[in-house]
PDB file of N, CA and C in Angstrom:
ATOM      1  N   MET A   1     100.265  69.896 316.756  1.00  0.00           N
ATOM      2  CA  MET A   1      99.501  70.985 316.161  1.00  0.00           C
ATOM      3  C   MET A   1      98.584  70.384 315.113  1.00  0.00           C
ATOM      4  N   ASN A   2      97.313  70.736 315.189  1.00  0.00           N
ATOM      5  CA  ASN A   2      96.401  70.171 314.194  1.00  0.00           C
ATOM      6  C   ASN A   2      96.507  70.926 312.872  1.00  0.00           C
ATOM      7  N   ALA A   3      96.050  70.289 311.820  1.00  0.00           N
ATOM      8  CA  ALA A   3      96.200  70.832 310.463  1.00  0.00           C
ATOM      9  C   ALA A   3      95.469  72.161 310.298  1.00  0.00           C
ATOM     10  N   ASP A   4      94.311  72.330 310.958  1.00  0.00           N
ATOM     11  CA  ASP A   4      93.566  73.587 310.844  1.00  0.00           C
ATOM     12  C   ASP A   4      94.367  74.757 311.409  1.00  0.00           C
ATOM     13  N   THR A   5      94.999  74.548 312.565  1.00  0.00           N
ATOM     14  CA  THR A   5      95.793  75.615 313.173  1.00  0.00           C
ATOM     15  C   THR A   5      96.980  75.960 312.296  1.00  0.00           C
ATOM     16  N   LEU A   6      97.646  74.956 311.754  1.00  0.00           N
ATOM     17  CA  LEU A   6      98.789  75.211 310.882  1.00  0.00           C
ATOM     18  C   LEU A   6      98.345  75.948 309.620  1.00  0.00           C
ATOM     19  N   GLU A   7      97.200  75.589 309.071  1.00  0.00           N
ATOM     20  CA  GLU A   7      96.703  76.287 307.878  1.00  0.00           C
ATOM     21  C   GLU A   7      96.372  77.740 308.197  1.00  0.00           C
ATOM     22  N   LEU A   8      95.760  78.000 309.359  1.00  0.00           N
ATOM     23  CA  LEU A   8      95.499  79.384 309.774  1.00  0.00           C
ATOM     24  C   LEU A   8      96.807  80.152 309.923  1.00  0.00           C
ATOM     25  N   ALA A   9      97.826  79.483 310.444  1.00  0.00           N
ATOM     26  CA  ALA A   9      99.139  80.124 310.571  1.00  0.00           C
ATOM     27  C   ALA A   9      99.670  80.504 309.201  1.00  0.00           C
ATOM     28  N   ARG A  10      99.486  79.623 308.244  1.00  0.00           N
ATOM     29  CA  ARG A  10     100.008  79.873 306.894  1.00  0.00           C
ATOM     30  C   ARG A  10      99.306  81.040 306.203  1.00  0.00           C
ATOM     31  N   VAL A  11      98.078  81.341 306.583  1.00  0.00           N
ATOM     32  CA  VAL A  11      97.380  82.466 305.954  1.00  0.00           C
ATOM     33  C   VAL A  11      97.494  83.745 306.764  1.00  0.00           C
ATOM     34  N   GLY A  12      98.277  83.723 307.833  1.00  0.00           N
ATOM     35  CA  GLY A  12      98.608  84.967 308.503  1.00  0.00           C
ATOM     36  C   GLY A  12      98.011  85.211 309.865  1.00  0.00           C
ATOM     37  N   ASP A  13      97.285  84.262 310.439  1.00  0.00           N
ATOM     38  CA  ASP A  13      96.734  84.463 311.769  1.00  0.00           C
ATOM     39  C   ASP A  13      97.864  84.423 312.800  1.00  0.00           C
ATOM     40  N   PRO A  14      98.146  85.535 313.503  1.00  0.00           N
ATOM     41  CA  PRO A  14      99.305  85.575 314.396  1.00  0.00           C
ATOM     42  C   PRO A  14      99.201  84.622 315.583  1.00  0.00           C
ATOM     43  N   ILE A  15      98.000  84.405 316.099  1.00  0.00           N
ATOM     44  CA  ILE A  15      97.849  83.476 317.220  1.00  0.00           C
ATOM     45  C   ILE A  15      98.145  82.058 316.749  1.00  0.00           C
ATOM     46  N   SER A  16      97.628  81.699 315.595  1.00  0.00           N
ATOM     47  CA  SER A  16      97.888  80.355 315.065  1.00  0.00           C
ATOM     48  C   SER A  16      99.357  80.161 314.725  1.00  0.00           C
ATOM     49  N   LEU A  17     100.002  81.194 314.194  1.00  0.00           N
ATOM     50  CA  LEU A  17     101.429  81.066 313.896  1.00  0.00           C
ATOM     51  C   LEU A  17     102.230  80.904 315.182  1.00  0.00           C
ATOM     52  N   THR A  18     101.899  81.662 316.218  1.00  0.00           N
ATOM     53  CA  THR A  18     102.584  81.503 317.501  1.00  0.00           C
ATOM     54  C   THR A  18     102.373  80.097 318.035  1.00  0.00           C
ATOM     55  N   ARG A  19     101.148  79.596 317.964  1.00  0.00           N
ATOM     56  CA  ARG A  19     100.869  78.236 318.436  1.00  0.00           C
ATOM     57  C   ARG A  19     101.628  77.197 317.613  1.00  0.00           C
ATOM     58  N   ALA A  20     101.716  77.405 316.305  1.00  0.00           N
ATOM     59  CA  ALA A  20     102.468  76.474 315.460  1.00  0.00           C
ATOM     60  C   ALA A  20     103.940  76.464 315.860  1.00  0.00           C
ATOM     61  N   LEU A  21     104.505  77.635 316.139  1.00  0.00           N
ATOM     62  CA  LEU A  21     105.911  77.704 316.555  1.00  0.00           C
ATOM     63  C   LEU A  21     106.111  77.045 317.916  1.00  0.00           C
ATOM     64  N   VAL A  22     105.235  77.356 318.891  1.00  0.00           N
ATOM     65  CA  VAL A  22     105.375  76.798 320.242  1.00  0.00           C
ATOM     66  C   VAL A  22     105.190  75.288 320.229  1.00  0.00           C
ATOM     67  N   SER A  23     104.294  74.787 319.399  1.00  0.00           N
ATOM     68  CA  SER A  23     104.032  73.344 319.384  1.00  0.00           C
ATOM     69  C   SER A  23     105.082  72.557 318.607  1.00  0.00           C
ATOM     70  N   THR A  24     106.011  73.255 317.975  1.00  0.00           N
ATOM     71  CA  THR A  24     107.088  72.594 317.241  1.00  0.00           C
ATOM     72  C   THR A  24     108.317  72.523 318.140  1.00  0.00           C
ATOM     73  N   PRO A  25     108.687  71.334 318.621  1.00  0.00           N
ATOM     74  CA  PRO A  25     109.832  71.232 319.530  1.00  0.00           C
ATOM     75  C   PRO A  25     111.122  71.744 318.887  1.00  0.00           C
ATOM     76  N   SER A  26     111.886  72.489 319.668  1.00  0.00           N
ATOM     77  CA  SER A  26     113.193  72.970 319.198  1.00  0.00           C
ATOM     78  C   SER A  26     114.163  73.062 320.371  1.00  0.00           C
ATOM     79  N   VAL A  27     114.144  72.031 321.218  1.00  0.00           N
ATOM     80  CA  VAL A  27     115.000  72.010 322.405  1.00  0.00           C
ATOM     81  C   VAL A  27     116.459  71.912 321.980  1.00  0.00           C
ATOM     82  N   ASN A  28     117.257  72.810 322.517  1.00  0.00           N
ATOM     83  CA  ASN A  28     118.682  72.864 322.207  1.00  0.00           C
ATOM     84  C   ASN A  28     119.353  71.578 322.688  1.00  0.00           C
ATOM     85  N   PRO A  29     119.911  70.773 321.778  1.00  0.00           N
ATOM     86  CA  PRO A  29     120.527  69.508 322.180  1.00  0.00           C
ATOM     87  C   PRO A  29     121.797  69.698 323.004  1.00  0.00           C
ATOM     88  N   GLN A  30     122.345  70.901 323.021  1.00  0.00           N
ATOM     89  CA  GLN A  30     123.511  71.179 323.856  1.00  0.00           C
ATOM     90  C   GLN A  30     123.100  71.494 325.292  1.00  0.00           C
ATOM     91  N   LEU A  31     121.816  71.770 325.507  1.00  0.00           N
ATOM     92  CA  LEU A  31     121.321  72.079 326.846  1.00  0.00           C
ATOM     93  C   LEU A  31     120.598  70.909 327.490  1.00  0.00           C
ATOM     94  N   GLU A  32     119.992  70.049 326.679  1.00  0.00           N
ATOM     95  CA  GLU A  32     119.280  68.886 327.204  1.00  0.00           C
ATOM     96  C   GLU A  32     119.558  67.687 326.309  1.00  0.00           C
ATOM     97  N   GLU A  33     120.071  66.636 326.910  1.00  0.00           N
ATOM     98  CA  GLU A  33     120.375  65.429 326.145  1.00  0.00           C
ATOM     99  C   GLU A  33     119.119  64.942 325.434  1.00  0.00           C
ATOM    100  N   GLY A  34     119.265  64.628 324.159  1.00  0.00           N
ATOM    101  CA  GLY A  34     118.133  64.176 323.365  1.00  0.00           C
ATOM    102  C   GLY A  34     117.272  65.310 322.839  1.00  0.00           C
ATOM    103  N   GLY A  35     117.726  66.558 323.029  1.00  0.00           N
ATOM    104  CA  GLY A  35     116.976  67.707 322.520  1.00  0.00           C
ATOM    105  C   GLY A  35     116.776  67.603 321.021  1.00  0.00           C
ATOM    106  N   SER A  36     115.632  68.035 320.560  1.00  0.00           N
ATOM    107  CA  SER A  36     115.231  67.852 319.166  1.00  0.00           C
ATOM    108  C   SER A  36     115.995  68.715 318.175  1.00  0.00           C
ATOM    109  N   GLY A  37     116.592  69.798 318.648  1.00  0.00           N
ATOM    110  CA  GLY A  37     117.228  70.731 317.725  1.00  0.00           C
ATOM    111  C   GLY A  37     116.183  71.564 317.004  1.00  0.00           C
ATOM    112  N   GLU A  38     116.654  72.399 316.082  1.00  0.00           N
ATOM    113  CA  GLU A  38     115.775  73.397 315.476  1.00  0.00           C
ATOM    114  C   GLU A  38     115.346  73.105 314.045  1.00  0.00           C
ATOM    115  N   GLN A  39     115.637  71.935 313.508  1.00  0.00           N
ATOM    116  CA  GLN A  39     115.381  71.687 312.090  1.00  0.00           C
ATOM    117  C   GLN A  39     113.915  71.901 311.709  1.00  0.00           C
ATOM    118  N   GLU A  40     112.997  71.356 312.484  1.00  0.00           N
ATOM    119  CA  GLU A  40     111.573  71.469 312.143  1.00  0.00           C
ATOM    120  C   GLU A  40     111.089  72.918 312.267  1.00  0.00           C
ATOM    121  N   THR A  41     111.542  73.622 313.298  1.00  0.00           N
ATOM    122  CA  THR A  41     111.169  75.033 313.455  1.00  0.00           C
ATOM    123  C   THR A  41     111.778  75.866 312.341  1.00  0.00           C
ATOM    124  N   ALA A  42     113.017  75.574 311.976  1.00  0.00           N
ATOM    125  CA  ALA A  42     113.663  76.294 310.870  1.00  0.00           C
ATOM    126  C   ALA A  42     112.875  76.103 309.579  1.00  0.00           C
ATOM    127  N   ALA A  43     112.401  74.892 309.339  1.00  0.00           N
ATOM    128  CA  ALA A  43     111.621  74.622 308.125  1.00  0.00           C
ATOM    129  C   ALA A  43     110.310  75.404 308.131  1.00  0.00           C
ATOM    130  N   LEU A  44     109.646  75.488 309.288  1.00  0.00           N
ATOM    131  CA  LEU A  44     108.399  76.239 309.398  1.00  0.00           C
ATOM    132  C   LEU A  44     108.639  77.724 309.133  1.00  0.00           C
ATOM    133  N   VAL A  45     109.688  78.285 309.738  1.00  0.00           N
ATOM    134  CA  VAL A  45     110.012  79.702 309.533  1.00  0.00           C
ATOM    135  C   VAL A  45     110.388  79.954 308.073  1.00  0.00           C
ATOM    136  N   ALA A  46     111.190  79.066 307.496  1.00  0.00           N
ATOM    137  CA  ALA A  46     111.595  79.234 306.094  1.00  0.00           C
ATOM    138  C   ALA A  46     110.386  79.166 305.164  1.00  0.00           C
ATOM    139  N   GLU A  47     109.466  78.247 305.431  1.00  0.00           N
ATOM    140  CA  GLU A  47     108.247  78.144 304.618  1.00  0.00           C
ATOM    141  C   GLU A  47     107.458  79.451 304.694  1.00  0.00           C
ATOM    142  N   TRP A  48     107.369  80.015 305.892  1.00  0.00           N
ATOM    143  CA  TRP A  48     106.659  81.276 306.077  1.00  0.00           C
ATOM    144  C   TRP A  48     107.330  82.394 305.280  1.00  0.00           C
ATOM    145  N   LEU A  49     108.658  82.504 305.399  1.00  0.00           N
ATOM    146  CA  LEU A  49     109.391  83.550 304.677  1.00  0.00           C
ATOM    147  C   LEU A  49     109.270  83.362 303.166  1.00  0.00           C
ATOM    148  N   ASP A  50     109.362  82.115 302.709  1.00  0.00           N
ATOM    149  CA  ASP A  50     109.187  81.821 301.276  1.00  0.00           C
ATOM    150  C   ASP A  50     107.824  82.295 300.782  1.00  0.00           C
ATOM    151  N   SER A  51     106.794  82.072 301.597  1.00  0.00           N
ATOM    152  CA  SER A  51     105.436  82.437 301.180  1.00  0.00           C
ATOM    153  C   SER A  51     105.275  83.947 301.025  1.00  0.00           C
ATOM    154  N   TRP A  52     106.169  84.714 301.624  1.00  0.00           N
ATOM    155  CA  TRP A  52     106.153  86.174 301.507  1.00  0.00           C
ATOM    156  C   TRP A  52     107.131  86.670 300.458  1.00  0.00           C
ATOM    157  N   GLY A  53     107.736  85.741 299.716  1.00  0.00           N
ATOM    158  CA  GLY A  53     108.602  86.122 298.610  1.00  0.00           C
ATOM    159  C   GLY A  53     110.030  86.459 298.989  1.00  0.00           C
ATOM    160  N   LEU A  54     110.446  86.105 300.193  1.00  0.00           N
ATOM    161  CA  LEU A  54     111.828  86.353 300.583  1.00  0.00           C
ATOM    162  C   LEU A  54     112.736  85.266 300.021  1.00  0.00           C
ATOM    163  N   ASP A  55     113.967  85.640 299.736  1.00  0.00           N
ATOM    164  CA  ASP A  55     115.007  84.685 299.359  1.00  0.00           C
ATOM    165  C   ASP A  55     115.462  84.045 300.663  1.00  0.00           C
ATOM    166  N   THR A  56     115.179  82.762 300.837  1.00  0.00           N
ATOM    167  CA  THR A  56     115.343  82.107 302.134  1.00  0.00           C
ATOM    168  C   THR A  56     116.401  81.015 302.068  1.00  0.00           C
ATOM    169  N   ARG A  57     117.197  80.943 303.125  1.00  0.00           N
ATOM    170  CA  ARG A  57     118.258  79.937 303.207  1.00  0.00           C
ATOM    171  C   ARG A  57     118.270  79.348 304.616  1.00  0.00           C
ATOM    172  N   ILE A  58     118.356  78.023 304.709  1.00  0.00           N
ATOM    173  CA  ILE A  58     118.539  77.321 305.983  1.00  0.00           C
ATOM    174  C   ILE A  58     119.956  76.769 305.991  1.00  0.00           C
ATOM    175  N   THR A  59     120.668  76.997 307.087  1.00  0.00           N
ATOM    176  CA  THR A  59     122.039  76.515 307.213  1.00  0.00           C
ATOM    177  C   THR A  59     122.183  75.724 308.508  1.00  0.00           C
ATOM    178  N   GLU A  60     122.731  74.511 308.413  1.00  0.00           N
ATOM    179  CA  GLU A  60     123.046  73.744 309.620  1.00  0.00           C
ATOM    180  C   GLU A  60     124.395  74.239 310.122  1.00  0.00           C
ATOM    181  N   ILE A  61     124.399  74.899 311.283  1.00  0.00           N
ATOM    182  CA  ILE A  61     125.623  75.517 311.795  1.00  0.00           C
ATOM    183  C   ILE A  61     126.430  74.581 312.678  1.00  0.00           C
ATOM    184  N   SER A  62     125.797  73.587 313.241  1.00  0.00           N
ATOM    185  CA  SER A  62     126.438  72.485 313.952  1.00  0.00           C
ATOM    186  C   SER A  62     125.398  71.368 313.988  1.00  0.00           C
ATOM    187  N   PRO A  63     125.773  70.159 314.408  1.00  0.00           N
ATOM    188  CA  PRO A  63     124.817  69.056 314.331  1.00  0.00           C
ATOM    189  C   PRO A  63     123.470  69.384 314.995  1.00  0.00           C
ATOM    190  N   ASN A  64     122.404  69.296 314.200  1.00  0.00           N
ATOM    191  CA  ASN A  64     121.028  69.510 314.645  1.00  0.00           C
ATOM    192  C   ASN A  64     120.744  70.942 315.102  1.00  0.00           C
ATOM    193  N   ARG A  65     121.572  71.892 314.675  1.00  0.00           N
ATOM    194  CA  ARG A  65     121.405  73.318 315.010  1.00  0.00           C
ATOM    195  C   ARG A  65     121.320  74.088 313.699  1.00  0.00           C
ATOM    196  N   PHE A  66     120.254  74.855 313.529  1.00  0.00           N
ATOM    197  CA  PHE A  66     119.978  75.485 312.242  1.00  0.00           C
ATOM    198  C   PHE A  66     119.729  76.978 312.382  1.00  0.00           C
ATOM    199  N   ASN A  67     120.145  77.711 311.378  1.00  0.00           N
ATOM    200  CA  ASN A  67     119.826  79.125 311.220  1.00  0.00           C
ATOM    201  C   ASN A  67     118.962  79.288 309.980  1.00  0.00           C
ATOM    202  N   VAL A  68     118.110  80.299 309.999  1.00  0.00           N
ATOM    203  CA  VAL A  68     117.298  80.670 308.840  1.00  0.00           C
ATOM    204  C   VAL A  68     117.606  82.126 308.519  1.00  0.00           C
ATOM    205  N   VAL A  69     117.864  82.399 307.259  1.00  0.00           N
ATOM    206  CA  VAL A  69     118.067  83.770 306.801  1.00  0.00           C
ATOM    207  C   VAL A  69     117.067  84.028 305.684  1.00  0.00           C
ATOM    208  N   GLY A  70     116.326  85.104 305.833  1.00  0.00           N
ATOM    209  CA  GLY A  70     115.412  85.547 304.784  1.00  0.00           C
ATOM    210  C   GLY A  70     115.840  86.927 304.326  1.00  0.00           C
ATOM    211  N   LYS A  71     115.940  87.106 303.033  1.00  0.00           N
ATOM    212  CA  LYS A  71     116.433  88.370 302.484  1.00  0.00           C
ATOM    213  C   LYS A  71     115.418  88.916 301.491  1.00  0.00           C
ATOM    214  N   LEU A  72     115.114  90.199 301.646  1.00  0.00           N
ATOM    215  CA  LEU A  72     114.213  90.895 300.739  1.00  0.00           C
ATOM    216  C   LEU A  72     114.940  92.134 300.244  1.00  0.00           C
ATOM    217  N   GLU A  73     115.202  92.165 298.951  1.00  0.00           N
ATOM    218  CA  GLU A  73     115.914  93.312 298.369  1.00  0.00           C
ATOM    219  C   GLU A  73     115.003  94.527 298.336  1.00  0.00           C
ATOM    220  N   GLY A  74     115.611  95.693 298.517  1.00  0.00           N
ATOM    221  CA  GLY A  74     114.854  96.931 298.467  1.00  0.00           C
ATOM    222  C   GLY A  74     115.755  98.101 298.138  1.00  0.00           C
ATOM    223  N   GLU A  75     115.183  99.269 298.111  1.00  0.00           N
ATOM    224  CA  GLU A  75     115.899 100.490 297.745  1.00  0.00           C
ATOM    225  C   GLU A  75     116.462 101.213 298.966  1.00  0.00           C
ATOM    226  N   GLY A  76     115.841 101.059 300.118  1.00  0.00           N
ATOM    227  CA  GLY A  76     116.202 101.843 301.295  1.00  0.00           C
ATOM    228  C   GLY A  76     117.317 101.224 302.113  1.00  0.00           C
ATOM    229  N   PRO A  77     117.500 101.735 303.326  1.00  0.00           N
ATOM    230  CA  PRO A  77     118.536 101.213 304.217  1.00  0.00           C
ATOM    231  C   PRO A  77     118.281  99.744 304.571  1.00  0.00           C
ATOM    232  N   THR A  78     119.336  99.059 304.933  1.00  0.00           N
ATOM    233  CA  THR A  78     119.245  97.658 305.341  1.00  0.00           C
ATOM    234  C   THR A  78     118.734  97.572 306.774  1.00  0.00           C
ATOM    235  N   LEU A  79     117.861  96.613 307.028  1.00  0.00           N
ATOM    236  CA  LEU A  79     117.339  96.353 308.364  1.00  0.00           C
ATOM    237  C   LEU A  79     117.575  94.880 308.672  1.00  0.00           C
ATOM    238  N   LEU A  80     118.179  94.602 309.812  1.00  0.00           N
ATOM    239  CA  LEU A  80     118.431  93.230 310.244  1.00  0.00           C
ATOM    240  C   LEU A  80     117.562  92.934 311.452  1.00  0.00           C
ATOM    241  N   LEU A  81     116.773  91.861 311.374  1.00  0.00           N
ATOM    242  CA  LEU A  81     115.984  91.384 312.501  1.00  0.00           C
ATOM    243  C   LEU A  81     116.582  90.054 312.928  1.00  0.00           C
ATOM    244  N   ASN A  82     116.805  89.894 314.229  1.00  0.00           N
ATOM    245  CA  ASN A  82     117.525  88.731 314.726  1.00  0.00           C
ATOM    246  C   ASN A  82     116.754  88.090 315.882  1.00  0.00           C
ATOM    247  N   GLY A  83     116.759  86.785 315.921  1.00  0.00           N
ATOM    248  CA  GLY A  83     116.160  86.037 317.016  1.00  0.00           C
ATOM    249  C   GLY A  83     116.768  84.651 317.047  1.00  0.00           C
ATOM    250  N   HIS A  84     116.256  83.802 317.906  1.00  0.00           N
ATOM    251  CA  HIS A  84     116.758  82.425 317.940  1.00  0.00           C
ATOM    252  C   HIS A  84     115.598  81.448 317.896  1.00  0.00           C
ATOM    253  N   LEU A  85     115.892  80.247 317.411  1.00  0.00           N
ATOM    254  CA  LEU A  85     114.874  79.220 317.212  1.00  0.00           C
ATOM    255  C   LEU A  85     114.814  78.207 318.345  1.00  0.00           C
ATOM    256  N   ASP A  86     115.890  78.084 319.120  1.00  0.00           N
ATOM    257  CA  ASP A  86     115.956  77.024 320.121  1.00  0.00           C
ATOM    258  C   ASP A  86     115.282  77.434 321.424  1.00  0.00           C
ATOM    259  N   THR A  87     114.964  76.413 322.224  1.00  0.00           N
ATOM    260  CA  THR A  87     114.453  76.623 323.571  1.00  0.00           C
ATOM    261  C   THR A  87     115.314  75.828 324.542  1.00  0.00           C
ATOM    262  N   VAL A  88     115.132  76.129 325.820  1.00  0.00           N
ATOM    263  CA  VAL A  88     115.760  75.319 326.855  1.00  0.00           C
ATOM    264  C   VAL A  88     114.980  74.015 326.959  1.00  0.00           C
ATOM    265  N   GLY A  89     115.438  73.128 327.824  1.00  0.00           N
ATOM    266  CA  GLY A  89     114.820  71.815 327.962  1.00  0.00           C
ATOM    267  C   GLY A  89     113.427  71.859 328.564  1.00  0.00           C
ATOM    268  N   VAL A  90     112.806  70.705 328.611  1.00  0.00           N
ATOM    269  CA  VAL A  90     111.434  70.599 329.100  1.00  0.00           C
ATOM    270  C   VAL A  90     111.335  69.809 330.397  1.00  0.00           C
ATOM    271  N   SER A  91     112.441  69.228 330.862  1.00  0.00           N
ATOM    272  CA  SER A  91     112.363  68.439 332.089  1.00  0.00           C
ATOM    273  C   SER A  91     111.945  69.344 333.245  1.00  0.00           C
ATOM    274  N   GLY A  92     111.037  68.842 334.056  1.00  0.00           N
ATOM    275  CA  GLY A  92     110.547  69.595 335.201  1.00  0.00           C
ATOM    276  C   GLY A  92     109.331  70.467 334.915  1.00  0.00           C
ATOM    277  N   MET A  93     108.922  70.553 333.659  1.00  0.00           N
ATOM    278  CA  MET A  93     107.738  71.363 333.351  1.00  0.00           C
ATOM    279  C   MET A  93     106.494  70.695 333.927  1.00  0.00           C
ATOM    280  N   THR A  94     105.569  71.506 334.399  1.00  0.00           N
ATOM    281  CA  THR A  94     104.339  70.978 334.992  1.00  0.00           C
ATOM    282  C   THR A  94     103.159  71.028 334.025  1.00  0.00           C
ATOM    283  N   ILE A  95     103.389  71.535 332.823  1.00  0.00           N
ATOM    284  CA  ILE A  95     102.364  71.557 331.781  1.00  0.00           C
ATOM    285  C   ILE A  95     102.933  70.855 330.553  1.00  0.00           C
ATOM    286  N   PRO A  96     102.085  70.363 329.659  1.00  0.00           N
ATOM    287  CA  PRO A  96     102.604  69.782 328.418  1.00  0.00           C
ATOM    288  C   PRO A  96     103.359  70.859 327.626  1.00  0.00           C
ATOM    289  N   PRO A  97     104.645  70.651 327.364  1.00  0.00           N
ATOM    290  CA  PRO A  97     105.474  71.720 326.805  1.00  0.00           C
ATOM    291  C   PRO A  97     105.125  72.143 325.388  1.00  0.00           C
ATOM    292  N   PHE A  98     104.506  71.276 324.605  1.00  0.00           N
ATOM    293  CA  PHE A  98     104.278  71.592 323.194  1.00  0.00           C
ATOM    294  C   PHE A  98     102.799  71.594 322.802  1.00  0.00           C
ATOM    295  N   ASP A  99     101.903  71.714 323.780  1.00  0.00           N
ATOM    296  CA  ASP A  99     100.470  71.774 323.469  1.00  0.00           C
ATOM    297  C   ASP A  99     100.040  73.145 322.959  1.00  0.00           C
ATOM    298  N   ALA A 100     100.783  74.191 323.307  1.00  0.00           N
ATOM    299  CA  ALA A 100     100.440  75.566 322.902  1.00  0.00           C
ATOM    300  C   ALA A 100      98.987  75.879 323.246  1.00  0.00           C
ATOM    301  N   LYS A 101      98.605  75.489 324.451  1.00  0.00           N
ATOM    302  CA  LYS A 101      97.232  75.677 324.925  1.00  0.00           C
ATOM    303  C   LYS A 101      96.979  77.157 325.227  1.00  0.00           C
ATOM    304  N   ILE A 102      95.790  77.623 324.867  1.00  0.00           N
ATOM    305  CA  ILE A 102      95.379  78.984 325.205  1.00  0.00           C
ATOM    306  C   ILE A 102      94.527  78.908 326.465  1.00  0.00           C
ATOM    307  N   GLU A 103      94.973  79.632 327.490  1.00  0.00           N
ATOM    308  CA  GLU A 103      94.245  79.661 328.757  1.00  0.00           C
ATOM    309  C   GLU A 103      94.430  81.037 329.383  1.00  0.00           C
ATOM    310  N   GLY A 104      93.337  81.647 329.789  1.00  0.00           N
ATOM    311  CA  GLY A 104      93.421  82.967 330.403  1.00  0.00           C
ATOM    312  C   GLY A 104      93.974  84.032 329.468  1.00  0.00           C
ATOM    313  N   GLY A 105      93.724  83.857 328.164  1.00  0.00           N
ATOM    314  CA  GLY A 105      94.205  84.830 327.193  1.00  0.00           C
ATOM    315  C   GLY A 105      95.687  84.729 326.889  1.00  0.00           C
ATOM    316  N   ARG A 106      96.314  83.639 327.339  1.00  0.00           N
ATOM    317  CA  ARG A 106      97.748  83.439 327.109  1.00  0.00           C
ATOM    318  C   ARG A 106      97.990  82.104 326.425  1.00  0.00           C
ATOM    319  N   ILE A 107      99.082  82.048 325.667  1.00  0.00           N
ATOM    320  CA  ILE A 107      99.513  80.790 325.057  1.00  0.00           C
ATOM    321  C   ILE A 107     100.565  80.187 325.973  1.00  0.00           C
ATOM    322  N   TRP A 108     100.325  78.940 326.401  1.00  0.00           N
ATOM    323  CA  TRP A 108     101.215  78.261 327.336  1.00  0.00           C
ATOM    324  C   TRP A 108     102.015  77.188 326.608  1.00  0.00           C
ATOM    325  N   GLY A 109     103.313  77.150 326.862  1.00  0.00           N
ATOM    326  CA  GLY A 109     104.165  76.119 326.301  1.00  0.00           C
ATOM    327  C   GLY A 109     105.600  76.578 326.234  1.00  0.00           C
ATOM    328  N   ARG A 110     106.499  75.632 326.014  1.00  0.00           N
ATOM    329  CA  ARG A 110     107.927  75.941 325.951  1.00  0.00           C
ATOM    330  C   ARG A 110     108.196  76.854 324.770  1.00  0.00           C
ATOM    331  N   GLY A 111     108.836  77.966 325.054  1.00  0.00           N
ATOM    332  CA  GLY A 111     109.187  78.923 324.021  1.00  0.00           C
ATOM    333  C   GLY A 111     108.149  80.003 323.789  1.00  0.00           C
ATOM    334  N   SER A 112     107.011  79.953 324.504  1.00  0.00           N
ATOM    335  CA  SER A 112     105.964  80.944 324.239  1.00  0.00           C
ATOM    336  C   SER A 112     106.423  82.363 324.573  1.00  0.00           C
ATOM    337  N   CYS A 113     107.311  82.508 325.542  1.00  0.00           N
ATOM    338  CA  CYS A 113     107.857  83.840 325.872  1.00  0.00           C
ATOM    339  C   CYS A 113     109.265  84.013 325.317  1.00  0.00           C
ATOM    340  N   ASP A 114     110.059  82.992 325.365  1.00  0.00           N
ATOM    341  CA  ASP A 114     111.457  83.062 324.920  1.00  0.00           C
ATOM    342  C   ASP A 114     111.693  81.905 323.954  1.00  0.00           C
ATOM    343  N   MET A 115     111.525  82.124 322.774  1.00  0.00           N
ATOM    344  CA  MET A 115     111.587  83.352 321.999  1.00  0.00           C
ATOM    345  C   MET A 115     110.602  83.289 320.846  1.00  0.00           C
ATOM    346  N   LYS A 116     109.711  82.315 320.884  1.00  0.00           N
ATOM    347  CA  LYS A 116     108.886  82.086 319.692  1.00  0.00           C
ATOM    348  C   LYS A 116     107.852  83.180 319.455  1.00  0.00           C
ATOM    349  N   ALA A 117     107.264  83.759 320.487  1.00  0.00           N
ATOM    350  CA  ALA A 117     106.370  84.902 320.265  1.00  0.00           C
ATOM    351  C   ALA A 117     107.174  86.094 319.763  1.00  0.00           C
ATOM    352  N   GLY A 118     108.388  86.272 320.283  1.00  0.00           N
ATOM    353  CA  GLY A 118     109.263  87.337 319.795  1.00  0.00           C
ATOM    354  C   GLY A 118     109.687  87.104 318.359  1.00  0.00           C
ATOM    355  N   LEU A 119     109.936  85.855 318.028  1.00  0.00           N
ATOM    356  CA  LEU A 119     110.296  85.505 316.655  1.00  0.00           C
ATOM    357  C   LEU A 119     109.165  85.879 315.700  1.00  0.00           C
ATOM    358  N   LEU A 120     107.933  85.614 316.117  1.00  0.00           N
ATOM    359  CA  LEU A 120     106.777  85.978 315.304  1.00  0.00           C
ATOM    360  C   LEU A 120     106.794  87.467 314.973  1.00  0.00           C
ATOM    361  N   GLN A 121     107.204  88.293 315.920  1.00  0.00           N
ATOM    362  CA  GLN A 121     107.190  89.740 315.704  1.00  0.00           C
ATOM    363  C   GLN A 121     108.134  90.177 314.593  1.00  0.00           C
ATOM    364  N   SER A 122     109.143  89.366 314.303  1.00  0.00           N
ATOM    365  CA  SER A 122     110.077  89.732 313.238  1.00  0.00           C
ATOM    366  C   SER A 122     109.708  89.123 311.886  1.00  0.00           C
ATOM    367  N   LEU A 123     108.656  88.303 311.849  1.00  0.00           N
ATOM    368  CA  LEU A 123     108.239  87.683 310.592  1.00  0.00           C
ATOM    369  C   LEU A 123     107.217  88.559 309.885  1.00  0.00           C
ATOM    370  N   PRO A 124     107.270  88.625 308.555  1.00  0.00           N
ATOM    371  CA  PRO A 124     106.252  89.393 307.832  1.00  0.00           C
ATOM    372  C   PRO A 124     104.890  88.740 308.007  1.00  0.00           C
ATOM    373  N   ARG A 125     103.867  89.573 308.099  1.00  0.00           N
ATOM    374  CA  ARG A 125     102.506  89.067 308.232  1.00  0.00           C
ATOM    375  C   ARG A 125     101.529  90.175 307.850  1.00  0.00           C
ATOM    376  N   PRO A 126     100.290  89.800 307.538  1.00  0.00           N
ATOM    377  CA  PRO A 126      99.302  90.826 307.196  1.00  0.00           C
ATOM    378  C   PRO A 126      99.008  91.704 308.400  1.00  0.00           C
ATOM    379  N   SER A 127      98.572  92.914 308.156  1.00  0.00           N
ATOM    380  CA  SER A 127      98.148  93.790 309.250  1.00  0.00           C
ATOM    381  C   SER A 127      96.940  93.178 309.928  1.00  0.00           C
ATOM    382  N   VAL A 128      96.904  93.315 311.245  1.00  0.00           N
ATOM    383  CA  VAL A 128      95.793  92.741 312.017  1.00  0.00           C
ATOM    384  C   VAL A 128      94.927  93.866 312.528  1.00  0.00           C
TER     385      VAL A 128
END
């Protein structure tokens, strides 16, 4: 991911944030030997939540497997948004898995449908 795209993601551009998430490898090491795990993706999500003023915590739940929790105190009922950071492996893919290329109005790459675009939907961001 180039620095311009990551900077656009940091200021709230949803396409750039999705591309930043997709281009950050988070292959589940329990599903594919040598999988990268979620540490880098967890750090990106935590940085995003921090920038919105949430109380953010990253926890390593097993070797190279991470959870991110962001908490925002309020007066009303509690709302829990849940997703996952990991992806399945990349062996056998016919496209570069982490290029996050836009083609035909779609973002292509590992995790673009499951679950990084969905994860974006649960993150705070400016109205578009």
